[in-house]
C-alpha atoms as a PDB file:
ATOM      1  CA  MET A   1      71.365 114.035  40.404  1.00  0.00           C
ATOM      2  CA  THR A   2      68.902 116.186  42.390  1.00  0.00           C
ATOM      3  CA  ASN A   3      66.662 115.861  45.005  1.00  0.00           C
ATOM      4  CA  LEU A   4      68.399 112.140  45.849  1.00  0.00           C
ATOM      5  CA  ASP A   5      65.907 110.474  48.287  1.00  0.00           C
ATOM      6  CA  PHE A   6      67.931 107.827  50.365  1.00  0.00           C
ATOM      7  CA  ARG A   7      64.837 106.027  50.651  1.00  0.00           C
ATOM      8  CA  GLU A   8      65.167 105.110  46.903  1.00  0.00           C
ATOM      9  CA  LEU A   9      68.548 103.902  47.227  1.00  0.00           C
ATOM     10  CA  GLU A  10      67.972 101.743  50.073  1.00  0.00           C
ATOM     11  CA  CYS A  11      65.089 100.235  48.260  1.00  0.00           C
ATOM     12  CA  PHE A  12      66.880  99.234  45.483  1.00  0.00           C
ATOM     13  CA  LEU A  13      70.054  98.163  47.284  1.00  0.00           C
ATOM     14  CA  VAL A  14      67.630  95.375  49.229  1.00  0.00           C
ATOM     15  CA  LEU A  15      65.650  94.707  45.997  1.00  0.00           C
ATOM     16  CA  ALA A  16      69.360  93.495  44.174  1.00  0.00           C
ATOM     17  CA  GLU A  17      69.610  91.477  47.048  1.00  0.00           C
ATOM     18  CA  GLU A  18      66.200  89.712  47.167  1.00  0.00           C
ATOM     19  CA  LEU A  19      65.033  90.311  43.756  1.00  0.00           C
ATOM     20  CA  HIS A  20      61.409  89.439  44.871  1.00  0.00           C
ATOM     21  CA  PHE A  21      59.284  92.645  45.468  1.00  0.00           C
ATOM     22  CA  GLY A  22      57.268  90.832  48.455  1.00  0.00           C
ATOM     23  CA  ARG A  23      60.488  90.197  50.170  1.00  0.00           C
ATOM     24  CA  THR A  24      61.994  93.576  49.607  1.00  0.00           C
ATOM     25  CA  GLY A  25      58.841  94.965  50.975  1.00  0.00           C
ATOM     26  CA  SER A  26      59.022  92.838  54.279  1.00  0.00           C
ATOM     27  CA  ARG A  27      62.568  93.810  54.902  1.00  0.00           C
ATOM     28  CA  LEU A  28      61.800  97.237  54.520  1.00  0.00           C
ATOM     29  CA  TYR A  29      58.410  97.434  56.325  1.00  0.00           C
ATOM     30  CA  VAL A  30      56.479  99.077  53.325  1.00  0.00           C
ATOM     31  CA  SER A  31      53.769  97.671  51.000  1.00  0.00           C
ATOM     32  CA  GLN A  32      54.990  96.041  47.663  1.00  0.00           C
ATOM     33  CA  GLY A  33      53.193  98.638  45.911  1.00  0.00           C
ATOM     34  CA  ARG A  34      55.467 101.537  47.669  1.00  0.00           C
ATOM     35  CA  VAL A  35      58.776  99.210  46.483  1.00  0.00           C
ATOM     36  CA  SER A  36      57.500  99.862  42.947  1.00  0.00           C
ATOM     37  CA  GLN A  37      56.795 103.167  43.563  1.00  0.00           C
ATOM     38  CA  LEU A  38      60.452 103.707  44.855  1.00  0.00           C
ATOM     39  CA  LEU A  39      62.053 102.023  42.118  1.00  0.00           C
ATOM     40  CA  ARG A  40      59.963 103.918  39.429  1.00  0.00           C
ATOM     41  CA  SER A  41      61.020 107.335  41.174  1.00  0.00           C
ATOM     42  CA  LEU A  42      64.610 105.950  41.168  1.00  0.00           C
ATOM     43  CA  GLU A  43      64.594 104.928  37.436  1.00  0.00           C
ATOM     44  CA  THR A  44      63.498 108.544  36.685  1.00  0.00           C
ATOM     45  CA  ARG A  45      65.740 110.455  38.445  1.00  0.00           C
ATOM     46  CA  ILE A  46      68.532 107.790  36.668  1.00  0.00           C
ATOM     47  CA  GLY A  47      66.715 107.726  33.209  1.00  0.00           C
ATOM     48  CA  ALA A  48      66.700 104.047  32.327  1.00  0.00           C
ATOM     49  CA  THR A  49      65.590 100.864  33.792  1.00  0.00           C
ATOM     50  CA  LEU A  50      67.422  99.565  36.465  1.00  0.00           C
ATOM     51  CA  VAL A  51      65.209  95.986  37.094  1.00  0.00           C
ATOM     52  CA  GLU A  52      63.448  93.887  34.875  1.00  0.00           C
ATOM     53  CA  ARG A  53      60.275  92.485  36.182  1.00  0.00           C
ATOM     54  CA  THR A  54      58.326  89.890  34.645  1.00  0.00           C
ATOM     55  CA  SER A  55      55.391  87.051  35.845  1.00  0.00           C
ATOM     56  CA  ARG A  56      58.194  84.577  36.685  1.00  0.00           C
ATOM     57  CA  ARG A  57      61.241  86.454  38.097  1.00  0.00           C
ATOM     58  CA  VAL A  58      62.536  89.805  38.855  1.00  0.00           C
ATOM     59  CA  ARG A  59      66.709  90.574  37.644  1.00  0.00           C
ATOM     60  CA  LEU A  60      68.572  93.613  37.440  1.00  0.00           C
ATOM     61  CA  THR A  61      69.854  94.850  34.072  1.00  0.00           C
ATOM     62  CA  SER A  62      73.630  95.100  32.679  1.00  0.00           C
ATOM     63  CA  LEU A  63      73.172  99.131  33.942  1.00  0.00           C
ATOM     64  CA  GLY A  64      71.563  98.078  37.405  1.00  0.00           C
ATOM     65  CA  GLU A  65      74.236  95.701  38.254  1.00  0.00           C
ATOM     66  CA  ARG A  66      76.984  97.992  37.633  1.00  0.00           C
ATOM     67  CA  PHE A  67      74.957 100.719  39.659  1.00  0.00           C
ATOM     68  CA  VAL A  68      74.652  98.612  42.383  1.00  0.00           C
ATOM     69  CA  GLU A  69      78.286  97.341  42.288  1.00  0.00           C
ATOM     70  CA  ARG A  70      78.985 101.222  42.848  1.00  0.00           C
ATOM     71  CA  LEU A  71      76.019 102.245  45.062  1.00  0.00           C
ATOM     72  CA  ARG A  72      76.720  99.804  47.689  1.00  0.00           C
ATOM     73  CA  PRO A  73      79.905 100.905  49.158  1.00  0.00           C
ATOM     74  CA  ALA A  74      79.024 104.202  49.058  1.00  0.00           C
ATOM     75  CA  TYR A  75      75.613 104.073  50.803  1.00  0.00           C
ATOM     76  CA  GLY A  76      77.519 102.084  53.390  1.00  0.00           C
ATOM     77  CA  ALA A  77      79.823 104.894  54.288  1.00  0.00           C
ATOM     78  CA  VAL A  78      77.088 107.148  54.126  1.00  0.00           C
ATOM     79  CA  ARG A  79      75.626 105.163  56.427  1.00  0.00           C
ATOM     80  CA  ASP A  80      78.111 104.734  58.652  1.00  0.00           C
ATOM     81  CA  SER A  81      78.988 108.690  58.746  1.00  0.00           C
ATOM     82  CA  VAL A  82      75.242 109.193  59.993  1.00  0.00           C
ATOM     83  CA  GLU A  83      75.220 106.422  62.551  1.00  0.00           C
ATOM     84  CA  GLU A  84      79.077 107.822  64.069  1.00  0.00           C
ATOM     85  CA  ALA A  85      77.312 111.316  63.961  1.00  0.00           C
ATOM     86  CA  ARG A  86      74.562 109.813  66.106  1.00  0.00           C
ATOM     87  CA  SER A  87      76.908 108.385  68.481  1.00  0.00           C
ATOM     88  CA  ALA A  88      78.791 111.527  68.768  1.00  0.00           C
ATOM     89  CA  ALA A  89      75.884 113.473  69.506  1.00  0.00           C
ATOM     90  CA  ARG A  90      74.543 111.072  72.370  1.00  0.00           C
ATOM     91  CA  GLY A  91      77.997 109.917  73.532  1.00  0.00           C
ATOM     92  CA  ILE A  92      79.400 106.603  73.304  1.00  0.00           C
ATOM     93  CA  GLU A  93      77.010 104.200  74.916  1.00  0.00           C
ATOM     94  CA  GLY A  94      76.484 100.252  75.377  1.00  0.00           C
ATOM     95  CA  ARG A  95      79.167  97.340  76.188  1.00  0.00           C
ATOM     96  CA  LEU A  96      82.942  97.277  75.089  1.00  0.00           C
ATOM     97  CA  ARG A  97      84.470  93.784  75.648  1.00  0.00           C
ATOM     98  CA  ILE A  98      88.263  94.156  75.403  1.00  0.00           C
ATOM     99  CA  GLY A  99      90.346  90.760  75.422  1.00  0.00           C
ATOM    100  CA  PHE A 100      93.624  90.419  76.346  1.00  0.00           C
ATOM    101  CA  GLN A 101      96.453  87.965  76.778  1.00  0.00           C
ATOM    102  CA  GLY A 102      98.973  87.176  79.550  1.00  0.00           C
ATOM    103  CA  THR A 103      98.416  90.295  81.811  1.00  0.00           C
ATOM    104  CA  ALA A 104      96.566  93.269  81.304  1.00  0.00           C
ATOM    105  CA  ASP A 105      99.677  95.145  82.472  1.00  0.00           C
ATOM    106  CA  ASP A 106      99.248  98.993  83.763  1.00  0.00           C
ATOM    107  CA  ARG A 107      99.123 100.643  80.443  1.00  0.00           C
ATOM    108  CA  ILE A 108      96.044  98.867  79.831  1.00  0.00           C
ATOM    109  CA  THR A 109      94.160  99.735  82.841  1.00  0.00           C
ATOM    110  CA  GLU A 110      95.303 103.297  82.333  1.00  0.00           C
ATOM    111  CA  VAL A 111      93.830 103.378  78.637  1.00  0.00           C
ATOM    112  CA  ILE A 112      90.535 101.732  80.229  1.00  0.00           C
ATOM    113  CA  ASP A 113      90.362 104.506  82.921  1.00  0.00           C
ATOM    114  CA  LEU A 114      90.841 107.388  79.822  1.00  0.00           C
ATOM    115  CA  PHE A 115      88.319 105.324  77.983  1.00  0.00           C
ATOM    116  CA  GLN A 116      85.673 105.405  80.872  1.00  0.00           C
ATOM    117  CA  ARG A 117      85.736 108.627  82.270  1.00  0.00           C
ATOM    118  CA  ARG A 118      85.277 109.929  78.619  1.00  0.00           C
ATOM    119  CA  HIS A 119      82.510 107.776  77.926  1.00  0.00           C
ATOM    120  CA  PRO A 120      80.788 106.914  81.805  1.00  0.00           C
ATOM    121  CA  GLY A 121      77.462 105.507  79.504  1.00  0.00           C
ATOM    122  CA  CYS A 122      79.759 102.714  77.560  1.00  0.00           C
ATOM    123  CA  VAL A 123      80.597  99.555  80.147  1.00  0.00           C
ATOM    124  CA  THR A 124      83.514  97.856  79.422  1.00  0.00           C
ATOM    125  CA  GLU A 125      84.300  94.356  80.361  1.00  0.00           C
ATOM    126  CA  ILE A 126      87.782  92.460  80.734  1.00  0.00           C
ATOM    127  CA  VAL A 127      88.256  89.210  79.126  1.00  0.00           C
ATOM    128  CA  GLU A 128      90.832  86.828  79.389  1.00  0.00           C
ATOM    129  CA  ILE A 129      91.630  85.620  75.603  1.00  0.00           C
ATOM    130  CA  PRO A 130      93.470  81.709  75.835  1.00  0.00           C
ATOM    131  CA  LEU A 131      97.061  81.816  74.854  1.00  0.00           C
ATOM    132  CA  SER A 132      96.544  78.903  72.287  1.00  0.00           C
ATOM    133  CA  ASP A 133      93.780  81.021  70.538  1.00  0.00           C
ATOM    134  CA  PRO A 134      94.707  84.629  70.184  1.00  0.00           C
ATOM    135  CA  PHE A 135      92.253  85.623  67.112  1.00  0.00           C
ATOM    136  CA  GLY A 136      89.294  82.854  67.792  1.00  0.00           C
ATOM    137  CA  PRO A 137      87.297  85.254  70.341  1.00  0.00           C
ATOM    138  CA  VAL A 138      87.587  88.601  67.816  1.00  0.00           C
ATOM    139  CA  TYR A 139      86.612  86.305  65.123  1.00  0.00           C
ATOM    140  CA  ARG A 140      83.410  85.063  67.174  1.00  0.00           C
ATOM    141  CA  ALA A 141      82.800  88.145  68.304  1.00  0.00           C
ATOM    142  CA  GLU A 142      82.938  87.367  71.881  1.00  0.00           C
ATOM    143  CA  VAL A 143      85.370  90.505  72.413  1.00  0.00           C
ATOM    144  CA  ASP A 144      85.139  93.575  70.635  1.00  0.00           C
ATOM    145  CA  VAL A 145      88.780  94.727  70.762  1.00  0.00           C
ATOM    146  CA  ALA A 146      91.925  92.575  72.005  1.00  0.00           C
ATOM    147  CA  VAL A 147      95.190  93.076  73.357  1.00  0.00           C
ATOM    148  CA  VAL A 148      97.568  90.262  71.757  1.00  0.00           C
ATOM    149  CA  LEU A 149     100.743  89.348  71.075  1.00  0.00           C
ATOM    150  CA  LEU A 150     102.423  89.618  67.150  1.00  0.00           C
ATOM    151  CA  PRO A 151     102.665  89.309  64.878  1.00  0.00           C
ATOM    152  CA  VAL A 152      98.863  89.352  63.244  1.00  0.00           C
ATOM    153  CA  GLU A 153      98.562  88.410  59.568  1.00  0.00           C
ATOM    154  CA  GLU A 154      94.789  87.849  59.553  1.00  0.00           C
ATOM    155  CA  PRO A 155      93.367  89.730  56.460  1.00  0.00           C
ATOM    156  CA  ASP A 156      89.615  90.432  58.407  1.00  0.00           C
ATOM    157  CA  LEU A 157      91.757  91.801  61.361  1.00  0.00           C
ATOM    158  CA  VAL A 158      92.431  95.959  61.910  1.00  0.00           C
ATOM    159  CA  VAL A 159      95.765  96.128  63.956  1.00  0.00           C
ATOM    160  CA  GLY A 160      95.642  99.543  65.579  1.00  0.00           C
ATOM    161  CA  THR A 161      98.056 100.839  68.123  1.00  0.00           C
ATOM    162  CA  VAL A 162     101.443  98.717  68.532  1.00  0.00           C
ATOM    163  CA  PHE A 163     102.821  99.136  71.670  1.00  0.00           C
ATOM    164  CA  ALA A 164     104.835  98.082  74.627  1.00  0.00           C
ATOM    165  CA  GLU A 165     107.871  96.699  72.762  1.00  0.00           C
ATOM    166  CA  HIS A 166     110.139  94.212  75.497  1.00  0.00           C
ATOM    167  CA  GLY A 167     112.854  92.320  75.632  1.00  0.00           C
ATOM    168  CA  GLN A 168     112.404  88.447  75.867  1.00  0.00           C
ATOM    169  CA  THR A 169     112.971  86.372  78.723  1.00  0.00           C
ATOM    170  CA  LEU A 170     113.415  82.197  78.612  1.00  0.00           C
ATOM    171  CA  ALA A 171     111.880  80.537  81.988  1.00  0.00           C
ATOM    172  CA  VAL A 172     113.368  77.389  82.808  1.00  0.00           C
ATOM    173  CA  SER A 173     113.406  75.334  86.120  1.00  0.00           C
ATOM    174  CA  SER A 174     115.113  76.823  88.950  1.00  0.00           C
ATOM    175  CA  ARG A 175     117.255  73.286  88.631  1.00  0.00           C
ATOM    176  CA  ASP A 176     118.637  73.870  84.999  1.00  0.00           C
ATOM    177  CA  PRO A 177     122.014  75.147  84.491  1.00  0.00           C
ATOM    178  CA  LEU A 178     121.015  78.384  82.529  1.00  0.00           C
ATOM    179  CA  ALA A 179     118.649  79.242  85.582  1.00  0.00           C
ATOM    180  CA  ARG A 180     122.424  80.709  87.274  1.00  0.00           C
ATOM    181  CA  ARG A 181     123.058  82.463  84.133  1.00  0.00           C
ATOM    182  CA  SER A 182     122.872  86.566  83.965  1.00  0.00           C
ATOM    183  CA  HIS A 183     121.873  85.915  80.489  1.00  0.00           C
ATOM    184  CA  VAL A 184     121.579  83.932  77.321  1.00  0.00           C
ATOM    185  CA  SER A 185     122.027  84.148  74.072  1.00  0.00           C
ATOM    186  CA  ALA A 186     119.591  83.456  70.979  1.00  0.00           C
ATOM    187  CA  GLU A 187     122.396  80.985  69.528  1.00  0.00           C
ATOM    188  CA  GLU A 188     121.733  78.978  72.514  1.00  0.00           C
ATOM    189  CA  LEU A 189     118.232  78.415  72.925  1.00  0.00           C
ATOM    190  CA  ALA A 190     119.327  74.988  70.484  1.00  0.00           C
ATOM    191  CA  GLY A 191     120.302  73.558  73.517  1.00  0.00           C
ATOM    192  CA  VAL A 192     116.775  74.217  74.867  1.00  0.00           C
ATOM    193  CA  ALA A 193     113.392  72.507  74.337  1.00  0.00           C
ATOM    194  CA  LEU A 194     111.342  75.348  73.814  1.00  0.00           C
ATOM    195  CA  ILE A 195     107.810  74.874  74.739  1.00  0.00           C
ATOM    196  CA  GLY A 196     105.050  76.021  72.179  1.00  0.00           C
ATOM    197  CA  VAL A 197     101.481  76.693  71.898  1.00  0.00           C
ATOM    198  CA  CYS A 198      99.003  74.424  70.184  1.00  0.00           C
ATOM    199  CA  GLY A 199      96.163  75.335  68.105  1.00  0.00           C
ATOM    200  CA  PRO A 200      93.839  76.835  67.133  1.00  0.00           C
ATOM    201  CA  ALA A 201      96.395  79.632  67.032  1.00  0.00           C
ATOM    202  CA  PRO A 202      97.735  79.835  63.439  1.00  0.00           C
ATOM    203  CA  GLY A 203     101.483  78.224  62.423  1.00  0.00           C
ATOM    204  CA  TYR A 204     103.008  81.791  61.863  1.00  0.00           C
ATOM    205  CA  TRP A 205     102.141  82.985  65.173  1.00  0.00           C
ATOM    206  CA  ARG A 206     102.688  79.616  67.143  1.00  0.00           C
ATOM    207  CA  ARG A 207     106.093  79.956  65.415  1.00  0.00           C
ATOM    208  CA  ALA A 208     106.853  83.876  66.595  1.00  0.00           C
ATOM    209  CA  GLN A 209     106.280  82.704  69.998  1.00  0.00           C
ATOM    210  CA  ALA A 210     108.550  79.371  69.929  1.00  0.00           C
ATOM    211  CA  PRO A 211     111.220  79.971  67.230  1.00  0.00           C
ATOM    212  CA  GLU A 212     111.855  76.911  65.128  1.00  0.00           C
ATOM    213  CA  THR A 213     115.830  78.065  64.684  1.00  0.00           C
ATOM    214  CA  THR A 214     118.293  80.259  66.075  1.00  0.00           C
ATOM    215  CA  PRO A 215     118.918  83.727  64.141  1.00  0.00           C
ATOM    216  CA  ARG A 216     122.200  81.474  62.259  1.00  0.00           C
ATOM    217  CA  GLY A 217     119.298  79.025  61.261  1.00  0.00           C
ATOM    218  CA  VAL A 218     120.591  76.488  63.833  1.00  0.00           C
ATOM    219  CA  ARG A 219     117.386  74.084  65.042  1.00  0.00           C
ATOM    220  CA  ILE A 220     115.825  74.572  68.233  1.00  0.00           C
ATOM    221  CA  PRO A 221     114.334  70.938  69.781  1.00  0.00           C
ATOM    222  CA  ARG A 222     110.873  71.096  70.158  1.00  0.00           C
ATOM    223  CA  GLY A 223     109.075  70.651  73.666  1.00  0.00           C
ATOM    224  CA  PRO A 224     105.554  70.065  74.869  1.00  0.00           C
ATOM    225  CA  GLU A 225     102.915  72.281  73.210  1.00  0.00           C
ATOM    226  CA  VAL A 226     100.527  74.129  75.698  1.00  0.00           C
ATOM    227  CA  ARG A 227      97.078  75.928  75.400  1.00  0.00           C
ATOM    228  CA  THR A 228      97.469  78.077  78.341  1.00  0.00           C
ATOM    229  CA  LEU A 229     100.424  80.314  80.025  1.00  0.00           C
ATOM    230  CA  GLN A 230      99.728  78.296  83.491  1.00  0.00           C
ATOM    231  CA  GLU A 231     100.177  74.735  81.670  1.00  0.00           C
ATOM    232  CA  GLY A 232     103.277  75.996  79.969  1.00  0.00           C
ATOM    233  CA  LEU A 233     105.018  77.382  83.826  1.00  0.00           C
ATOM    234  CA  THR A 234     103.748  74.004  85.192  1.00  0.00           C
ATOM    235  CA  LEU A 235     105.784  72.263  82.484  1.00  0.00           C
ATOM    236  CA  THR A 236     108.634  74.671  82.790  1.00  0.00           C
ATOM    237  CA  ALA A 237     108.915  74.068  86.771  1.00  0.00           C
ATOM    238  CA  ALA A 238     108.354  70.298  85.934  1.00  0.00           C
ATOM    239  CA  GLY A 239     111.867  70.363  83.954  1.00  0.00           C
ATOM    240  CA  ARG A 240     110.178  69.693  80.373  1.00  0.00           C
ATOM    241  CA  GLY A 241     111.576  72.388  78.590  1.00  0.00           C
ATOM    242  CA  GLY A 242     111.941  76.287  78.385  1.00  0.00           C
ATOM    243  CA  MET A 243     109.422  78.971  77.687  1.00  0.00           C
ATOM    244  CA  LEU A 244     109.937  82.647  75.949  1.00  0.00           C
ATOM    245  CA  LEU A 245     108.006  84.942  78.094  1.00  0.00           C
ATOM    246  CA  CYS A 246     107.789  88.793  77.508  1.00  0.00           C
ATOM    247  CA  GLU A 247     109.430  90.687  80.322  1.00  0.00           C
ATOM    248  CA  PRO A 248     106.623  92.230  81.938  1.00  0.00           C
ATOM    249  CA  THR A 249     104.743  88.691  81.641  1.00  0.00           C
ATOM    250  CA  ALA A 250     107.783  86.779  83.011  1.00  0.00           C
ATOM    251  CA  ALA A 251     107.560  89.269  86.046  1.00  0.00           C
ATOM    252  CA  SER A 252     104.019  88.850  86.994  1.00  0.00           C
ATOM    253  CA  TYR A 253     104.688  85.105  86.940  1.00  0.00           C
ATOM    254  CA  THR A 254     107.549  84.242  89.324  1.00  0.00           C
ATOM    255  CA  ARG A 255     107.612  81.728  91.461  1.00  0.00           C
ATOM    256  CA  GLY A 256     110.472  79.499  93.283  1.00  0.00           C
ATOM    257  CA  SER A 257     110.460  76.575  90.606  1.00  0.00           C
ATOM    258  CA  VAL A 258     110.889  78.845  87.736  1.00  0.00           C
ATOM    259  CA  ALA A 259     113.828  81.400  86.508  1.00  0.00           C
ATOM    260  CA  LEU A 260     113.632  83.845  84.161  1.00  0.00           C
ATOM    261  CA  VAL A 261     116.756  84.587  82.462  1.00  0.00           C
ATOM    262  CA  PRO A 262     116.789  87.563  79.700  1.00  0.00           C
ATOM    263  CA  VAL A 263     117.368  86.614  76.083  1.00  0.00           C
ATOM    264  CA  THR A 264     120.002  88.561  73.671  1.00  0.00           C
ATOM    265  CA  GLY A 265     119.698  88.680  70.273  1.00  0.00           C
ATOM    266  CA  LEU A 266     115.992  88.181  69.787  1.00  0.00           C
ATOM    267  CA  PRO A 267     113.373  90.507  68.236  1.00  0.00           C
ATOM    268  CA  ASP A 268     111.407  92.264  70.883  1.00  0.00           C
ATOM    269  CA  SER A 269     107.858  90.900  72.076  1.00  0.00           C
ATOM    270  CA  MET A 270     105.280  93.332  71.063  1.00  0.00           C
ATOM    271  CA  LEU A 271     101.633  93.912  71.468  1.00  0.00           C
ATOM    272  CA  GLY A 272      98.717  95.096  69.351  1.00  0.00           C
ATOM    273  CA  LEU A 273      95.252  95.966  69.567  1.00  0.00           C
ATOM    274  CA  VAL A 274      93.434  94.586  67.009  1.00  0.00           C
ATOM    275  CA  TRP A 275      89.497  94.137  66.200  1.00  0.00           C
ATOM    276  CA  HIS A 276      87.614  92.549  63.075  1.00  0.00           C
ATOM    277  CA  ARG A 277      86.956  95.205  60.316  1.00  0.00           C
ATOM    278  CA  GLU A 278      83.385  94.176  59.554  1.00  0.00           C
ATOM    279  CA  HIS A 279      82.659  94.481  63.402  1.00  0.00           C
ATOM    280  CA  GLU A 280      84.049  98.268  64.019  1.00  0.00           C
ATOM    281  CA  ASN A 281      81.840 100.446  65.482  1.00  0.00           C
ATOM    282  CA  ALA A 282      81.976 104.290  67.476  1.00  0.00           C
ATOM    283  CA  ARG A 283      82.802 102.099  70.689  1.00  0.00           C
ATOM    284  CA  ILE A 284      85.991 100.674  69.123  1.00  0.00           C
ATOM    285  CA  ARG A 285      86.976 103.511  67.472  1.00  0.00           C
ATOM    286  CA  ALA A 286      86.787 105.868  70.430  1.00  0.00           C
ATOM    287  CA  PHE A 287      89.115 102.535  72.449  1.00  0.00           C
ATOM    288  CA  ALA A 288      91.437 102.859  69.761  1.00  0.00           C
ATOM    289  CA  GLN A 289      91.976 106.522  70.021  1.00  0.00           C
ATOM    290  CA  ALA A 290      92.354 106.419  73.688  1.00  0.00           C
ATOM    291  CA  PHE A 291      95.070 103.763  73.524  1.00  0.00           C
ATOM    292  CA  GLY A 292      96.841 105.801  70.480  1.00  0.00           C
ATOM    293  CA  GLU A 293      97.215 108.687  73.265  1.00  0.00           C
ATOM    294  CA  LEU A 294      98.261 106.788  75.667  1.00  0.00           C
ATOM    295  CA  SER A 295     100.873 104.607  74.129  1.00  0.00           C
END
């Protein structure tokens, strides 16, 4: 097809959604007659009728339905490519909200510094994400990207760079007999009431942070559930149970009433950069690139 007119394609896609010439014109800021003109031109290029219109209704022909199904993702890809090129031409601008769980360690701040040096026209904001709601702020567009504890099994979220593989540490009251140990094994967790995380965090994620069984399948007692890390450490200090923490988080929350004991035999704790698939833009891609370079 020669002399392709993207205005015709845009008009057809909007008309396929609205099935009304007047509303289509309003969305495109053109007259109803202009909508008809663009549609006729496109149908001439195709060589067939795409839309049937009567005095009572507007509907797609079978060919029109097949065409819109194939056209919509292709048109979206071209539109996104154009927008990305425009952003690259004028530089990354606007605002990028970065969420994190626990502690924003040196690696995260280094990535933010690199991103800011490359894109001084983009303002970054740092937002702490509740322990009990790792993915909610991303879904609700309260943050653009987030650094969260894995695993992430959400189909709508993209998992970018995975980093910070650290051993796990058991936080217990300084009065607990385990506080005097140099380390504990994963099997010994069967004797500890593990403090868990409450919802809305999904069940699979909560079980990863507070396993229900040891690697050999022995049941681990359930302790209270908390919404924040501070709540968990307070209950730990009070002797209500133990809490699993990754090493950097444990090191940043040292206090005399809580002892930190390394745990052997558990998978490493890992962090990942995530964002919503439908919200991806040039700012997010640029930040993800910086993250990958420094991780």
